[in-house]
PDB file of N, CA and C in Angstrom:
ATOM      1  N   MET A   1       8.548   1.450  11.746  1.00  0.00           N
ATOM      2  CA  MET A   1       7.924   0.678  10.925  1.00  0.00           C
ATOM      3  C   MET A   1       7.454  -0.570  11.211  1.00  0.00           C
ATOM      4  N   VAL A   2       5.977  -0.669  10.923  1.00  0.00           N
ATOM      5  CA  VAL A   2       5.213  -1.805  11.424  1.00  0.00           C
ATOM      6  C   VAL A   2       5.731  -2.941  10.292  1.00  0.00           C
ATOM      7  N   VAL A   3       5.813  -4.227  10.965  1.00  0.00           N
ATOM      8  CA  VAL A   3       6.045  -5.137   9.759  1.00  0.00           C
ATOM      9  C   VAL A   3       5.199  -6.404  10.385  1.00  0.00           C
ATOM     10  N   VAL A   4       4.185  -6.745   9.200  1.00  0.00           N
ATOM     11  CA  VAL A   4       3.023  -7.711   9.706  1.00  0.00           C
ATOM     12  C   VAL A   4       3.115  -8.916   8.546  1.00  0.00           C
ATOM     13  N   THR A   5       2.701  -9.608   9.214  1.00  0.00           N
ATOM     14  CA  THR A   5       2.500 -11.009   8.013  1.00  0.00           C
ATOM     15  C   THR A   5       0.850 -11.019   7.703  1.00  0.00           C
ATOM     16  N   GLY A   6       1.051 -11.238   6.707  1.00  0.00           N
ATOM     17  CA  GLY A   6      -0.416 -11.297   5.326  1.00  0.00           C
ATOM     18  C   GLY A   6      -1.455 -12.032   6.294  1.00  0.00           C
ATOM     19  N   ARG A   7      -1.148 -12.994   7.064  1.00  0.00           N
ATOM     20  CA  ARG A   7      -2.659 -12.857   7.974  1.00  0.00           C
ATOM     21  C   ARG A   7      -2.948 -12.521   8.696  1.00  0.00           C
ATOM     22  N   ASP A   8      -1.763 -11.799   9.675  1.00  0.00           N
ATOM     23  CA  ASP A   8      -2.436 -10.635  10.487  1.00  0.00           C
ATOM     24  C   ASP A   8      -2.701 -10.028  10.084  1.00  0.00           C
ATOM     25  N   PHE A   9      -2.635  -8.924   8.970  1.00  0.00           N
ATOM     26  CA  PHE A   9      -2.993  -8.389   7.985  1.00  0.00           C
ATOM     27  C   PHE A   9      -4.224  -8.017   7.880  1.00  0.00           C
ATOM     28  N   ARG A  10      -4.659  -9.368   7.453  1.00  0.00           N
ATOM     29  CA  ARG A  10      -6.227  -9.590   6.934  1.00  0.00           C
ATOM     30  C   ARG A  10      -7.050  -9.402   8.392  1.00  0.00           C
ATOM     31  N   ALA A  11      -6.691 -10.185   9.058  1.00  0.00           N
ATOM     32  CA  ALA A  11      -7.104  -9.668  10.717  1.00  0.00           C
ATOM     33  C   ALA A  11      -7.383  -8.901  11.504  1.00  0.00           C
ATOM     34  N   ASN A  12      -6.401  -7.765  10.812  1.00  0.00           N
ATOM     35  CA  ASN A  12      -6.808  -6.668  11.188  1.00  0.00           C
ATOM     36  C   ASN A  12      -6.207  -5.995  10.585  1.00  0.00           C
ATOM     37  N   THR A  13      -6.685  -5.406   9.781  1.00  0.00           N
ATOM     38  CA  THR A  13      -7.128  -4.675   8.255  1.00  0.00           C
ATOM     39  C   THR A  13      -7.201  -3.037   8.605  1.00  0.00           C
ATOM     40  N   ALA A  14      -8.272  -2.565   9.811  1.00  0.00           N
ATOM     41  CA  ALA A  14      -8.293  -1.643  10.089  1.00  0.00           C
ATOM     42  C   ALA A  14      -7.371  -0.939  10.890  1.00  0.00           C
ATOM     43  N   LYS A  15      -6.905  -1.445  11.794  1.00  0.00           N
ATOM     44  CA  LYS A  15      -6.154  -1.397  12.440  1.00  0.00           C
ATOM     45  C   LYS A  15      -4.519  -1.055  12.282  1.00  0.00           C
ATOM     46  N   TYR A  16      -3.873  -1.716  10.707  1.00  0.00           N
ATOM     47  CA  TYR A  16      -2.767  -1.044  10.067  1.00  0.00           C
ATOM     48  C   TYR A  16      -3.123  -0.064   9.271  1.00  0.00           C
ATOM     49  N   VAL A  17      -4.606  -0.149   8.497  1.00  0.00           N
ATOM     50  CA  VAL A  17      -4.863   1.108   8.161  1.00  0.00           C
ATOM     51  C   VAL A  17      -4.702   2.309   8.518  1.00  0.00           C
ATOM     52  N   ASN A  18      -5.221   2.525  10.059  1.00  0.00           N
ATOM     53  CA  ASN A  18      -5.206   3.523  10.715  1.00  0.00           C
ATOM     54  C   ASN A  18      -3.653   3.699  10.868  1.00  0.00           C
ATOM     55  N   VAL A  19      -2.581   2.834  11.178  1.00  0.00           N
ATOM     56  CA  VAL A  19      -1.727   2.937  11.761  1.00  0.00           C
ATOM     57  C   VAL A  19      -0.695   3.666  10.158  1.00  0.00           C
ATOM     58  N   ALA A  20      -1.012   3.588   8.995  1.00  0.00           N
ATOM     59  CA  ALA A  20      -0.272   4.007   7.773  1.00  0.00           C
ATOM     60  C   ALA A  20      -1.310   4.997   7.719  1.00  0.00           C
ATOM     61  N   TYR A  21      -2.485   4.949   7.772  1.00  0.00           N
ATOM     62  CA  TYR A  21      -3.664   6.616   7.818  1.00  0.00           C
ATOM     63  C   TYR A  21      -2.548   8.110   8.914  1.00  0.00           C
ATOM     64  N   ARG A  22      -1.925   7.592   9.949  1.00  0.00           N
ATOM     65  CA  ARG A  22      -1.424   8.318  10.633  1.00  0.00           C
ATOM     66  C   ARG A  22       0.237   8.559  10.602  1.00  0.00           C
ATOM     67  N   GLY A  23       0.810   8.045   9.385  1.00  0.00           N
ATOM     68  CA  GLY A  23       2.012   8.118   8.781  1.00  0.00           C
ATOM     69  C   GLY A  23       2.775   7.104   9.005  1.00  0.00           C
ATOM     70  N   GLU A  24       2.647   6.297   9.476  1.00  0.00           N
ATOM     71  CA  GLU A  24       3.732   5.003   9.918  1.00  0.00           C
ATOM     72  C   GLU A  24       4.240   4.155   9.167  1.00  0.00           C
ATOM     73  N   ASP A  25       5.220   3.553   8.157  1.00  0.00           N
ATOM     74  CA  ASP A  25       5.293   2.591   7.224  1.00  0.00           C
ATOM     75  C   ASP A  25       4.959   1.502   7.787  1.00  0.00           C
ATOM     76  N   VAL A  26       3.746   1.165   6.980  1.00  0.00           N
ATOM     77  CA  VAL A  26       3.227  -0.893   7.262  1.00  0.00           C
ATOM     78  C   VAL A  26       3.659  -1.445   6.084  1.00  0.00           C
ATOM     79  N   VAL A  27       4.193  -2.719   6.635  1.00  0.00           N
ATOM     80  CA  VAL A  27       5.421  -3.415   5.629  1.00  0.00           C
ATOM     81  C   VAL A  27       4.142  -4.611   5.937  1.00  0.00           C
ATOM     82  N   VAL A  28       3.616  -5.041   4.820  1.00  0.00           N
ATOM     83  CA  VAL A  28       3.113  -6.745   4.984  1.00  0.00           C
ATOM     84  C   VAL A  28       4.113  -7.640   3.719  1.00  0.00           C
ATOM     85  N   LYS A  29       4.399  -8.261   4.834  1.00  0.00           N
ATOM     86  CA  LYS A  29       5.263  -9.613   4.067  1.00  0.00           C
ATOM     87  C   LYS A  29       4.360 -11.172   4.054  1.00  0.00           C
ATOM     88  N   SER A  30       4.283 -11.464   2.816  1.00  0.00           N
ATOM     89  CA  SER A  30       3.411 -12.266   2.248  1.00  0.00           C
ATOM     90  C   SER A  30       4.540 -13.401   1.535  1.00  0.00           C
ATOM     91  N   ARG A  31       3.662 -14.697   1.269  1.00  0.00           N
ATOM     92  CA  ARG A  31       4.914 -16.073   0.016  1.00  0.00           C
ATOM     93  C   ARG A  31       4.873 -15.106  -1.163  1.00  0.00           C
ATOM     94  N   VAL A  32       4.317 -14.114  -1.922  1.00  0.00           N
ATOM     95  CA  VAL A  32       4.779 -13.475  -2.950  1.00  0.00           C
ATOM     96  C   VAL A  32       5.529 -12.596  -3.023  1.00  0.00           C
ATOM     97  N   GLY A  33       5.500 -11.880  -1.413  1.00  0.00           N
ATOM     98  CA  GLY A  33       6.681 -10.804  -1.349  1.00  0.00           C
ATOM     99  C   GLY A  33       5.997  -9.243  -0.627  1.00  0.00           C
ATOM    100  N   SER A  34       6.642  -8.476  -0.586  1.00  0.00           N
ATOM    101  CA  SER A  34       6.310  -7.470   0.758  1.00  0.00           C
ATOM    102  C   SER A  34       5.663  -6.718  -0.356  1.00  0.00           C
ATOM    103  N   PHE A  35       4.840  -5.873   0.972  1.00  0.00           N
ATOM    104  CA  PHE A  35       4.093  -4.695   0.168  1.00  0.00           C
ATOM    105  C   PHE A  35       3.998  -3.375   1.046  1.00  0.00           C
ATOM    106  N   ARG A  36       3.973  -2.152   0.853  1.00  0.00           N
ATOM    107  CA  ARG A  36       4.172  -1.076   1.224  1.00  0.00           C
ATOM    108  C   ARG A  36       2.610  -0.810   1.936  1.00  0.00           C
ATOM    109  N   ILE A  37       1.719  -0.514   2.543  1.00  0.00           N
ATOM    110  CA  ILE A  37       0.345   0.097   2.613  1.00  0.00           C
ATOM    111  C   ILE A  37       0.815   2.006   3.204  1.00  0.00           C
ATOM    112  N   VAL A  38       0.173   2.374   1.873  1.00  0.00           N
ATOM    113  CA  VAL A  38       0.303   4.420   2.463  1.00  0.00           C
ATOM    114  C   VAL A  38      -0.921   4.616   2.173  1.00  0.00           C
ATOM    115  N   PRO A  39      -1.261   5.539   2.376  1.00  0.00           N
ATOM    116  CA  PRO A  39      -2.606   6.288   1.610  1.00  0.00           C
ATOM    117  C   PRO A  39      -2.155   6.463   1.058  1.00  0.00           C
ATOM    118  N   ILE A  40      -3.424   6.919  -0.042  1.00  0.00           N
ATOM    119  CA  ILE A  40      -3.376   7.709  -1.338  1.00  0.00           C
ATOM    120  C   ILE A  40      -3.727   9.558  -0.979  1.00  0.00           C
ATOM    121  N   THR A  41      -2.804  10.595  -1.371  1.00  0.00           N
ATOM    122  CA  THR A  41      -2.957  11.835  -0.904  1.00  0.00           C
ATOM    123  C   THR A  41      -4.005  12.125  -2.010  1.00  0.00           C
ATOM    124  N   GLU A  42      -4.229  13.687  -1.670  1.00  0.00           N
ATOM    125  CA  GLU A  42      -4.797  14.575  -2.375  1.00  0.00           C
ATOM    126  C   GLU A  42      -3.888  14.550  -3.675  1.00  0.00           C
ATOM    127  N   ASP A  43      -2.997  14.637  -4.194  1.00  0.00           N
ATOM    128  CA  ASP A  43      -2.053  14.896  -5.043  1.00  0.00           C
ATOM    129  C   ASP A  43      -1.909  13.556  -6.362  1.00  0.00           C
ATOM    130  N   ASP A  44      -2.356  12.283  -5.654  1.00  0.00           N
ATOM    131  CA  ASP A  44      -2.346  11.126  -6.016  1.00  0.00           C
ATOM    132  C   ASP A  44      -3.379  11.032  -7.017  1.00  0.00           C
ATOM    133  N   ILE A  45      -3.069  10.259  -8.238  1.00  0.00           N
ATOM    134  CA  ILE A  45      -4.231  10.062  -9.142  1.00  0.00           C
ATOM    135  C   ILE A  45      -4.641   8.579  -9.528  1.00  0.00           C
ATOM    136  N   VAL A  46      -5.620   8.259  -9.114  1.00  0.00           N
ATOM    137  CA  VAL A  46      -5.994   6.688  -9.220  1.00  0.00           C
ATOM    138  C   VAL A  46      -7.003   6.763 -10.111  1.00  0.00           C
ATOM    139  N   VAL A  47      -6.604   5.985 -11.134  1.00  0.00           N
ATOM    140  CA  VAL A  47      -7.580   5.608 -12.474  1.00  0.00           C
ATOM    141  C   VAL A  47      -7.129   4.061 -12.703  1.00  0.00           C
ATOM    142  N   ASN A  48      -8.535   3.541 -13.492  1.00  0.00           N
ATOM    143  CA  ASN A  48      -8.144   2.093 -13.449  1.00  0.00           C
ATOM    144  C   ASN A  48      -8.402   1.823 -15.154  1.00  0.00           C
ATOM    145  N   LYS A  49      -7.620   1.536 -15.820  1.00  0.00           N
ATOM    146  CA  LYS A  49      -7.224   0.684 -16.912  1.00  0.00           C
ATOM    147  C   LYS A  49      -8.230   1.793 -17.973  1.00  0.00           C
ATOM    148  N   ARG A  50      -9.604   1.507 -18.155  1.00  0.00           N
ATOM    149  CA  ARG A  50     -10.462   1.474 -18.791  1.00  0.00           C
ATOM    150  C   ARG A  50     -10.383   3.448 -18.896  1.00  0.00           C
ATOM    151  N   ASP A  51     -10.084   3.575 -17.783  1.00  0.00           N
ATOM    152  CA  ASP A  51     -10.805   5.358 -17.957  1.00  0.00           C
ATOM    153  C   ASP A  51      -9.120   5.556 -18.564  1.00  0.00           C
ATOM    154  N   LEU A  52      -8.358   5.211 -18.426  1.00  0.00           N
ATOM    155  CA  LEU A  52      -7.101   5.678 -18.937  1.00  0.00           C
ATOM    156  C   LEU A  52      -6.942   5.628 -20.220  1.00  0.00           C
ATOM    157  N   ALA A  53      -7.472   4.527 -20.776  1.00  0.00           N
ATOM    158  CA  ALA A  53      -7.633   4.229 -22.527  1.00  0.00           C
ATOM    159  C   ALA A  53      -8.592   5.733 -22.623  1.00  0.00           C
ATOM    160  N   SER A  54      -9.513   5.668 -22.111  1.00  0.00           N
ATOM    161  CA  SER A  54     -10.455   6.557 -22.807  1.00  0.00           C
ATOM    162  C   SER A  54      -9.936   7.895 -22.732  1.00  0.00           C
ATOM    163  N   GLU A  55      -9.559   8.268 -21.724  1.00  0.00           N
ATOM    164  CA  GLU A  55      -8.537   9.718 -21.706  1.00  0.00           C
ATOM    165  C   GLU A  55      -8.010   9.542 -22.694  1.00  0.00           C
ATOM    166  N   LEU A  56      -7.086   8.585 -22.986  1.00  0.00           N
ATOM    167  CA  LEU A  56      -5.770   8.972 -24.615  1.00  0.00           C
ATOM    168  C   LEU A  56      -6.675   8.856 -25.194  1.00  0.00           C
ATOM    169  N   ARG A  57      -7.747   7.911 -25.869  1.00  0.00           N
ATOM    170  CA  ARG A  57      -8.200   8.081 -26.809  1.00  0.00           C
ATOM    171  C   ARG A  57      -8.858   9.270 -27.005  1.00  0.00           C
ATOM    172  N   GLY A  58      -9.133   9.955 -26.160  1.00  0.00           N
ATOM    173  CA  GLY A  58      -9.970  11.466 -26.447  1.00  0.00           C
ATOM    174  C   GLY A  58      -8.183  12.262 -26.353  1.00  0.00           C
ATOM    175  N   ALA A  59      -7.944  12.294 -25.792  1.00  0.00           N
ATOM    176  CA  ALA A  59      -6.734  13.115 -26.457  1.00  0.00           C
ATOM    177  C   ALA A  59      -6.155  12.752 -27.795  1.00  0.00           C
ATOM    178  N   LEU A  60      -5.772  11.643 -28.327  1.00  0.00           N
ATOM    179  CA  LEU A  60      -5.456  11.472 -29.391  1.00  0.00           C
ATOM    180  C   LEU A  60      -6.457  11.911 -30.431  1.00  0.00           C
ATOM    181  N   ILE A  61      -8.201  11.726 -30.043  1.00  0.00           N
ATOM    182  CA  ILE A  61      -8.819  12.306 -31.423  1.00  0.00           C
ATOM    183  C   ILE A  61      -8.932  14.052 -31.132  1.00  0.00           C
ATOM    184  N   GLU A  62      -8.382  14.711 -30.251  1.00  0.00           N
ATOM    185  CA  GLU A  62      -8.422  15.821 -30.326  1.00  0.00           C
ATOM    186  C   GLU A  62      -7.086  16.454 -30.642  1.00  0.00           C
ATOM    187  N   ALA A  63      -5.913  15.997 -30.862  1.00  0.00           N
ATOM    188  CA  ALA A  63      -4.671  16.284 -31.803  1.00  0.00           C
ATOM    189  C   ALA A  63      -4.570  16.122 -33.225  1.00  0.00           C
ATOM    190  N   LYS A  64      -5.822  14.714 -33.640  1.00  0.00           N
ATOM    191  CA  LYS A  64      -5.853  14.586 -34.666  1.00  0.00           C
ATOM    192  C   LYS A  64      -6.618  16.109 -35.409  1.00  0.00           C
ATOM    193  N   GLU A  65      -7.560  16.050 -34.539  1.00  0.00           N
ATOM    194  CA  GLU A  65      -8.460  17.196 -35.032  1.00  0.00           C
ATOM    195  C   GLU A  65      -7.946  18.307 -35.173  1.00  0.00           C
ATOM    196  N   SER A  66      -6.945  18.599 -34.250  1.00  0.00           N
ATOM    197  CA  SER A  66      -6.347  19.947 -34.315  1.00  0.00           C
ATOM    198  C   SER A  66      -4.923  20.264 -35.745  1.00  0.00           C
ATOM    199  N   ILE A  67      -4.832  18.854 -35.846  1.00  0.00           N
ATOM    200  CA  ILE A  67      -3.898  18.520 -37.080  1.00  0.00           C
ATOM    201  C   ILE A  67      -5.152  19.362 -38.023  1.00  0.00           C
ATOM    202  N   GLU A  68      -5.801  18.674 -37.850  1.00  0.00           N
ATOM    203  CA  GLU A  68      -6.778  18.677 -39.185  1.00  0.00           C
ATOM    204  C   GLU A  68      -7.343  20.423 -39.302  1.00  0.00           C
ATOM    205  N   GLY A  69      -7.432  20.832 -37.894  1.00  0.00           N
ATOM    206  CA  GLY A  69      -7.134  22.663 -38.625  1.00  0.00           C
ATOM    207  C   GLY A  69      -9.068  22.436 -37.979  1.00  0.00           C
ATOM    208  N   LYS A  70      -9.364  21.278 -37.097  1.00  0.00           N
ATOM    209  CA  LYS A  70     -10.991  20.994 -36.722  1.00  0.00           C
ATOM    210  C   LYS A  70     -10.887  21.075 -34.970  1.00  0.00           C
ATOM    211  N   ARG A  71     -10.079  22.244 -34.667  1.00  0.00           N
ATOM    212  CA  ARG A  71     -10.184  22.075 -33.666  1.00  0.00           C
ATOM    213  C   ARG A  71      -8.722  23.527 -32.738  1.00  0.00           C
ATOM    214  N   ARG A  72      -9.422  24.053 -32.073  1.00  0.00           N
ATOM    215  CA  ARG A  72      -7.648  24.530 -31.575  1.00  0.00           C
ATOM    216  C   ARG A  72      -7.777  23.657 -30.406  1.00  0.00           C
ATOM    217  N   LEU A  73      -6.243  23.539 -29.788  1.00  0.00           N
ATOM    218  CA  LEU A  73      -5.742  22.796 -28.796  1.00  0.00           C
ATOM    219  C   LEU A  73      -5.385  24.341 -27.564  1.00  0.00           C
ATOM    220  N   ASN A  74      -5.898  24.187 -26.102  1.00  0.00           N
ATOM    221  CA  ASN A  74      -6.006  24.388 -24.980  1.00  0.00           C
ATOM    222  C   ASN A  74      -4.536  24.688 -24.881  1.00  0.00           C
ATOM    223  N   THR A  75      -4.588  26.388 -24.556  1.00  0.00           N
ATOM    224  CA  THR A  75      -3.020  26.669 -23.611  1.00  0.00           C
ATOM    225  C   THR A  75      -2.229  25.725 -22.662  1.00  0.00           C
ATOM    226  N   LEU A  76      -1.520  25.833 -22.356  1.00  0.00           N
ATOM    227  CA  LEU A  76      -1.033  25.448 -20.719  1.00  0.00           C
ATOM    228  C   LEU A  76      -1.389  26.077 -19.902  1.00  0.00           C
ATOM    229  N   ASP A  77      -1.578  27.242 -19.894  1.00  0.00           N
ATOM    230  CA  ASP A  77      -2.188  28.098 -18.741  1.00  0.00           C
ATOM    231  C   ASP A  77      -3.065  27.953 -18.608  1.00  0.00           C
ATOM    232  N   HIS A  78      -4.251  27.900 -19.696  1.00  0.00           N
ATOM    233  CA  HIS A  78      -5.771  27.215 -20.006  1.00  0.00           C
ATOM    234  C   HIS A  78      -5.785  26.294 -19.054  1.00  0.00           C
ATOM    235  N   LEU A  79      -5.040  24.446 -19.324  1.00  0.00           N
ATOM    236  CA  LEU A  79      -5.235  23.750 -18.770  1.00  0.00           C
ATOM    237  C   LEU A  79      -5.164  23.635 -17.396  1.00  0.00           C
ATOM    238  N   ILE A  80      -4.008  24.630 -16.780  1.00  0.00           N
ATOM    239  CA  ILE A  80      -3.302  24.982 -15.266  1.00  0.00           C
ATOM    240  C   ILE A  80      -4.258  25.097 -14.731  1.00  0.00           C
ATOM    241  N   ASN A  81      -5.283  26.318 -15.413  1.00  0.00           N
ATOM    242  CA  ASN A  81      -6.643  27.171 -14.588  1.00  0.00           C
ATOM    243  C   ASN A  81      -7.967  25.887 -14.561  1.00  0.00           C
ATOM    244  N   GLU A  82      -7.564  25.208 -15.064  1.00  0.00           N
ATOM    245  CA  GLU A  82      -8.706  24.162 -15.558  1.00  0.00           C
ATOM    246  C   GLU A  82      -8.694  23.584 -14.704  1.00  0.00           C
ATOM    247  N   LEU A  83      -7.339  22.721 -14.234  1.00  0.00           N
ATOM    248  CA  LEU A  83      -7.116  22.172 -12.943  1.00  0.00           C
ATOM    249  C   LEU A  83      -7.370  22.428 -11.823  1.00  0.00           C
ATOM    250  N   ARG A  84      -7.197  23.849 -11.776  1.00  0.00           N
ATOM    251  CA  ARG A  84      -6.852  24.429 -10.173  1.00  0.00           C
ATOM    252  C   ARG A  84      -8.622  24.765 -10.165  1.00  0.00           C
ATOM    253  N   ASP A  85      -9.417  25.105 -11.135  1.00  0.00           N
ATOM    254  CA  ASP A  85     -10.602  25.654 -10.615  1.00  0.00           C
ATOM    255  C   ASP A  85     -11.456  23.922 -10.169  1.00  0.00           C
ATOM    256  N   SER A  86     -11.339  23.072 -10.806  1.00  0.00           N
ATOM    257  CA  SER A  86     -11.665  21.671 -10.650  1.00  0.00           C
ATOM    258  C   SER A  86     -11.256  20.930  -9.502  1.00  0.00           C
ATOM    259  N   ASN A  87     -10.213  21.767  -8.656  1.00  0.00           N
ATOM    260  CA  ASN A  87      -9.749  21.585  -7.340  1.00  0.00           C
ATOM    261  C   ASN A  87     -10.381  22.304  -6.124  1.00  0.00           C
ATOM    262  N   ASP A  88     -10.915  23.136  -6.547  1.00  0.00           N
ATOM    263  CA  ASP A  88     -11.455  24.348  -5.812  1.00  0.00           C
ATOM    264  C   ASP A  88     -12.692  23.196  -5.187  1.00  0.00           C
TER     265      ASP A  88
END
């Protein structure tokens, strides 16, 4: 584990990002707290608040339309296959 100050991290960001990329824990200590730097993997999902809100609105509309008989919801198997296809 590498522990660095916020100032050192800012001055040597590329160095510490590469350390984290190689799998070593990097902890940045600052006045407001300590933070661990870790790489994002293929399994991680990064979404901003606006995109998440849009996705949730869409899901609510689908559910409402399904209840009203206007739409047929996908099965779990169909959704899993769709996710697999999108990762290829």
